[in-house]
Protein backbone atom coordinates (compact mmCIF):
# COMPACT_ATOMS: atom_id res chain seq x y z
CA MET A 1 -11.96 11.01 5.65
CA PRO A 2 -14.19 8.01 6.21
CA ARG A 3 -14.11 7.97 10.00
CA GLY A 4 -14.64 11.72 10.60
CA GLY A 5 -11.90 14.92 10.51
CA THR A 6 -9.55 16.18 7.61
CA THR A 7 -6.00 14.48 8.70
CA ILE A 8 -4.87 10.71 9.21
CA PHE A 9 -2.63 11.07 12.07
CA PRO A 10 -2.33 11.00 14.72
CA ARG A 11 -6.00 9.80 15.14
CA HIS A 12 -5.48 6.99 13.49
CA ARG A 13 -3.49 3.16 12.58
CA LEU A 14 -4.83 1.81 9.25
CA VAL A 15 -4.92 -1.97 9.21
CA GLY A 16 -5.64 -3.33 5.70
CA TYR A 17 -6.14 -6.33 2.94
CA ALA A 18 -4.46 -6.48 0.17
CA GLY A 19 -5.32 -8.20 -3.30
CA LEU A 20 -7.87 -8.35 -6.03
CA THR A 21 -11.53 -10.41 -6.27
CA GLY A 22 -11.18 -13.89 -7.75
CA SER A 23 -7.19 -13.74 -7.36
CA PRO A 24 -6.39 -16.04 -4.12
CA ALA A 25 -3.04 -15.36 -5.08
CA LEU A 26 -2.65 -11.91 -4.65
CA GLY A 27 -4.00 -11.41 -1.20
CA ARG A 28 -6.25 -12.36 1.02
CA LEU A 29 -8.87 -9.70 -0.38
CA GLY A 30 -8.94 -12.42 -3.59
CA ILE A 31 -10.78 -15.11 -2.02
CA GLY A 32 -14.98 -14.56 -1.77
CA ARG A 33 -16.59 -11.55 -1.31
CA VAL A 34 -15.47 -8.26 -0.83
CA ALA A 35 -18.32 -7.82 1.81
CA ASP A 36 -16.81 -10.47 4.11
CA ARG A 37 -13.48 -9.80 3.70
CA LEU A 38 -14.43 -6.24 5.13
CA ASP A 39 -16.42 -8.25 8.08
CA GLU A 40 -13.21 -9.93 8.99
CA LEU A 41 -11.02 -7.66 8.34
CA GLU A 42 -12.49 -4.94 10.77
CA LYS A 43 -12.62 -7.84 13.49
CA ARG A 44 -9.13 -8.33 13.06
CA ALA A 45 -8.26 -4.77 12.93
CA ALA A 46 -9.79 -4.25 16.69
CA PRO A 47 -6.93 -5.16 18.91
CA TYR A 48 -4.92 -3.02 16.73
CA ALA A 49 -6.22 0.38 18.30
CA ASP A 50 -3.53 1.23 20.98
CA GLY A 51 -5.76 3.77 22.00
CA LYS A 52 -6.01 5.22 18.38
CA GLU A 53 -8.79 4.85 15.96
CA VAL A 54 -8.55 1.85 13.39
CA LEU A 55 -9.33 2.79 9.93
CA PRO A 56 -9.97 0.03 7.52
CA VAL A 57 -7.49 -0.40 4.08
CA LEU A 58 -8.77 -2.15 0.84
CA GLU A 59 -5.36 -2.19 -0.81
CA VAL A 60 -6.74 -3.44 -4.49
CA ILE A 61 -3.75 -4.02 -7.33
CA ALA A 62 -5.50 -1.87 -10.00
CA THR A 63 -1.91 -1.88 -12.15
CA ILE A 64 -1.21 -5.41 -12.59
CA VAL A 65 2.11 -6.77 -13.00
CA GLN A 66 2.91 -8.92 -16.04
CA SER A 67 4.94 -11.72 -17.44
CA GLU A 68 4.39 -10.93 -20.91
CA PRO A 69 5.35 -7.51 -23.12
CA GLY A 70 1.10 -6.93 -23.82
CA ARG A 71 0.76 -4.65 -26.89
CA ASP A 72 2.62 -1.92 -25.09
CA GLY A 73 5.51 -3.52 -24.57
CA LEU A 74 4.82 -2.30 -20.88
CA TYR A 75 4.64 -5.46 -19.24
CA ARG A 76 1.70 -4.73 -16.64
CA THR A 77 -2.43 -4.10 -16.96
CA ARG A 78 -5.12 -1.98 -15.44
CA ILE A 79 -7.71 -2.51 -13.98
CA SER A 80 -11.21 -1.46 -15.41
CA ASP A 81 -13.70 1.46 -13.46
CA ALA A 82 -16.44 -0.90 -13.35
CA ARG A 83 -13.54 -3.25 -11.62
CA ILE A 84 -12.53 -0.45 -9.21
CA ARG A 85 -16.05 1.20 -8.78
CA PRO A 86 -17.88 -1.93 -6.77
CA TYR A 87 -14.40 -1.41 -4.04
CA LEU A 88 -14.82 2.09 -3.31
CA ARG A 89 -18.66 1.16 -2.82
CA GLN A 90 -17.93 -1.34 -0.26
CA ALA A 91 -15.07 0.84 0.97
CA ARG A 92 -17.75 3.16 1.57
CA ALA A 93 -20.41 1.06 3.07
CA HIS A 94 -17.18 -0.16 5.82
CA ARG A 95 -16.20 4.46 6.16
CA ALA A 96 -13.28 3.02 4.51
CA LEU A 97 -10.23 4.27 2.78
CA LEU A 98 -9.46 2.23 -0.16
CA LEU A 99 -6.18 2.85 -2.26
CA LEU A 100 -5.01 1.56 -5.82
CA ASN A 101 -2.03 -0.07 -5.66
CA ILE A 102 0.42 0.20 -8.78
CA GLN A 103 2.68 -2.41 -9.66
CA PRO A 104 4.75 -0.46 -12.74
CA GLY A 105 6.19 -3.28 -15.04
CA ARG A 106 7.95 -0.94 -17.50
CA ALA A 107 6.03 2.10 -17.33
CA ARG A 108 6.92 4.95 -15.17
CA PHE A 109 4.73 5.37 -12.07
CA ILE A 110 3.42 9.01 -12.75
CA ASP A 111 2.21 7.43 -15.93
CA GLU A 112 0.32 4.72 -13.61
CA VAL A 113 -0.48 7.35 -11.37
CA LYS A 114 -2.10 9.97 -13.94
CA ALA A 115 -4.50 6.57 -15.34
CA TYR A 116 -6.51 6.90 -12.24
CA ASP A 117 -6.41 10.74 -11.26
CA ASP A 118 -10.88 10.44 -11.41
CA TRP A 119 -10.35 8.11 -8.78
CA LEU A 120 -7.95 10.22 -6.39
CA ALA A 121 -10.00 12.98 -6.51
CA GLU A 122 -12.55 11.12 -4.47
CA PRO A 123 -12.02 11.81 -1.28
CA ASP A 124 -11.14 8.44 0.18
CA VAL A 125 -9.41 6.58 -2.37
CA GLY A 126 -5.26 7.41 -2.23
CA LEU A 127 -2.14 4.63 -3.83
CA ALA A 128 0.10 2.12 -2.50
CA LEU A 129 3.33 2.15 -5.14
CA ASP A 130 5.12 -1.33 -5.36
CA PRO A 131 8.35 -0.77 -6.79
CA GLU A 132 9.43 -4.59 -6.21
CA TRP A 133 7.24 -4.83 -9.55
CA ALA A 134 9.31 -2.06 -11.08
CA MET A 135 11.01 -2.65 -13.85
CA GLY A 136 13.77 -0.60 -16.24
CA PRO A 137 14.92 -1.24 -19.80
CA GLY A 138 14.95 -5.43 -20.69
CA GLN A 139 13.83 -6.23 -17.20
CA VAL A 140 11.26 -8.52 -17.41
CA PRO A 141 8.60 -9.16 -14.26
CA GLY A 142 9.79 -12.56 -12.31
CA GLU A 143 13.41 -12.22 -13.44
CA VAL A 144 14.44 -10.04 -11.39
CA PHE A 145 13.51 -7.11 -8.48
CA GLY A 146 12.24 -3.74 -9.47
CA HIS A 147 13.95 -0.52 -7.91
CA THR A 148 12.69 2.63 -7.66
CA THR A 149 13.69 6.74 -6.07
CA GLY A 150 13.20 8.78 -3.63
CA GLU A 151 12.43 11.20 -6.51
CA VAL A 152 10.30 9.14 -7.86
CA VAL A 153 8.36 8.65 -5.51
CA ASP A 154 8.09 11.90 -4.41
CA GLU A 155 6.39 12.83 -7.70
CA VAL A 156 4.19 10.83 -7.14
CA ALA A 157 3.14 12.72 -3.90
CA ALA A 158 3.48 16.12 -5.36
CA HIS A 159 0.97 15.27 -7.65
CA VAL A 160 -1.30 13.53 -5.01
CA ALA A 161 -1.29 16.37 -3.42
CA ARG A 162 -2.05 18.96 -6.07
CA ILE A 163 -4.97 17.03 -6.70
CA VAL A 164 -5.64 17.62 -3.27
CA ALA A 165 -5.94 21.25 -2.75
CA ARG A 166 -7.15 21.90 -6.14
CA ASN A 167 -10.30 19.28 -5.33
CA HIS A 168 -10.05 20.54 -1.18
CA LEU A 169 -10.19 16.74 0.07
CA PRO A 170 -9.05 15.34 3.13
CA GLU A 171 -5.60 14.00 3.00
CA LYS A 172 -4.53 11.22 1.29
CA VAL A 173 -2.16 8.33 1.76
CA VAL A 174 0.93 7.30 -0.29
CA VAL A 175 2.19 4.41 0.56
CA TYR A 176 5.51 2.21 -0.31
CA HIS A 177 6.54 -1.19 0.45
CA GLN A 178 9.62 -2.50 0.38
CA LEU A 179 11.21 -5.85 1.05
CA ALA A 180 15.25 -4.59 0.99
CA PRO A 181 17.03 -1.27 0.89
CA ARG A 182 17.94 -1.45 -2.63
CA ILE A 183 14.32 -1.69 -3.36
CA VAL A 184 14.02 1.81 -2.81
CA ARG A 185 17.08 4.21 -3.49
CA GLY A 186 17.68 7.40 -2.33
CA GLU A 187 14.88 8.49 -0.01
CA SER A 188 16.53 11.48 1.45
CA GLN A 189 14.74 12.96 -2.25
CA LEU A 190 11.39 12.68 -0.32
CA ASN A 191 10.24 15.89 0.67
CA ARG A 192 7.06 16.55 2.92
CA HIS A 193 3.49 17.87 0.45
CA ARG A 194 0.55 19.46 2.10
CA GLY A 195 -2.35 17.15 2.13
CA VAL A 196 -0.46 14.12 1.73
CA VAL A 197 1.30 11.31 4.53
CA LEU A 198 3.76 8.47 2.85
CA VAL A 199 3.85 5.57 4.42
CA LYS A 200 6.88 2.96 4.10
CA SER A 201 5.19 -0.48 4.37
CA VAL A 202 8.02 -3.32 5.10
CA ASP A 203 7.58 -6.51 3.25
CA GLY A 204 9.72 -8.77 4.96
CA ILE A 205 9.20 -12.43 4.77
CA GLY A 206 9.93 -15.73 7.37
CA THR A 207 10.37 -15.85 10.61
CA ARG A 208 9.67 -13.23 13.45
CA GLN A 209 13.13 -12.89 14.15
CA GLN A 210 13.55 -12.59 10.31
CA LYS A 211 10.96 -10.18 9.72
CA LEU A 212 11.99 -7.88 12.40
CA HIS A 213 15.76 -7.94 10.97
CA THR A 214 13.89 -6.72 7.63
CA TYR A 215 12.09 -3.83 9.52
CA ARG A 216 15.12 -2.46 10.98
CA ARG A 217 17.30 -2.76 8.14
CA VAL A 218 14.82 -1.62 6.09
CA ASN A 219 13.39 1.74 8.15
CA ALA A 220 16.81 2.99 8.90
CA SER A 221 17.35 5.00 5.70
CA THR A 222 13.04 6.02 6.05
CA PRO A 223 12.69 9.34 6.61
CA LYS A 224 11.61 10.90 9.78
CA PHE A 225 8.30 12.55 8.49
CA VAL A 226 7.20 9.08 6.56
CA HIS A 227 4.79 6.31 8.52
CA PRO A 228 5.72 3.33 9.57
CA GLY A 229 4.09 0.28 8.19
CA PHE A 230 4.30 -3.37 8.52
CA LYS A 231 3.09 -6.45 6.24
CA LEU A 232 2.42 -9.60 7.36
CA PHE A 233 1.67 -12.93 5.33
CA LEU A 234 -1.15 -14.84 6.18
CA ASP A 235 0.56 -17.61 4.27
CA GLU A 236 3.96 -17.52 3.92
CA ASP A 237 4.86 -16.48 7.37
CA SER A 238 1.97 -18.74 8.98
CA ARG A 239 4.59 -21.53 7.22
CA SER A 240 7.79 -20.38 9.21
CA GLY A 241 5.95 -20.38 12.40
CA SER A 242 2.77 -18.67 13.23
CA LEU A 243 1.87 -15.27 12.50
CA MET A 244 2.62 -12.35 14.21
CA THR A 245 -0.23 -11.80 17.07
CA PRO A 246 -1.46 -7.40 17.20
CA ARG A 247 -0.05 -8.24 20.67
CA GLN A 248 3.60 -8.62 19.03
CA VAL A 249 3.34 -6.30 15.93
CA LEU A 250 2.07 -3.48 18.05
CA MET A 251 5.76 -4.18 19.60
CA ILE A 252 7.65 -3.13 17.25
CA LYS A 253 9.95 0.02 17.11
CA PRO A 254 9.01 1.72 15.70
CA LYS A 255 5.58 1.09 16.10
CA PRO A 256 3.88 0.92 13.01
CA ASP A 257 0.87 3.14 12.26
CA TYR A 258 -0.20 0.76 8.90
CA ILE A 259 -0.38 -2.85 9.26
CA MET A 260 -0.88 -5.16 5.47
CA TYR A 261 -2.48 -8.18 5.47
CA GLU A 262 -1.68 -10.08 1.91
C-alpha cells in the first residue's frame, strides 16, 4: 500500500484525477506534466480527509474506445507499456495509486484486463471499468450508451483477487463507473473477493441537484459491500453552476470513499 498497511478502507479516502497525458478532452490528467497534476491533486485532495488519510489516485485511460473498428473490429486501442511506466513512476513518487481505466469498445472486459496482468501484479496498480463504452455486437461507440452486468464485473474482480493471492499483494481497488441505472445491470451478481475492494463511481453531470439525484438513483442498487464514489467534471459541472466543494461532497449520503475529478 503506498501509504502503509495492506487494506484500503476504512483508513483511506481516495481522491483522483482521470485522463491521459496529451489528451485534455479525456480529463484533467491530460493537461501538462503528470508531476504537476499530482502536485495539484495533493492540494485539491487535502480537504477531503475528514478523519481519514487521503490517498491520491491516477486513473489513466489505458484501453481507449475508438469511433472506428480498427483491424480487429473491436473499436478500441491500448496504450503501450512504455506509456504506462512513467505514470507508475510518478504515482510512486507521490505514494499514490495507479488505476488502469478500461473503455472496451466491442472487446470483453476480462480480455482487456488480462492484457494488463503484468501491471496488476504490482502492489499499487488497480482497475477502473467504464461500461458506458462497452458495446454489444453491431453497436458503435458514440452512437449508443454501452452497458455491462454484475456478472461481468464480478468476473473481473475474481480475476484480480487471484492475482492478489498469487503474488501476496495488498488489497486492490476495482472501480466501475456508472452514469445511469441501466449501465450496470444485475448488481446482485457481484460477490466479495478477498484482496479486492469494489467501488462504484457515480458519474452524473449537471447542476448540484441533478448530480445528487443521479447519485441517489444509481446507488439504489448498490450492494452494501461496494464502496461509494462520486465524480466531479471540472468543465461540465462548472458550466451548469458552481463546482461542488469538498464540504458539499462530504455531506452526501452515503459519503463517498472515492472522489474523482475529470
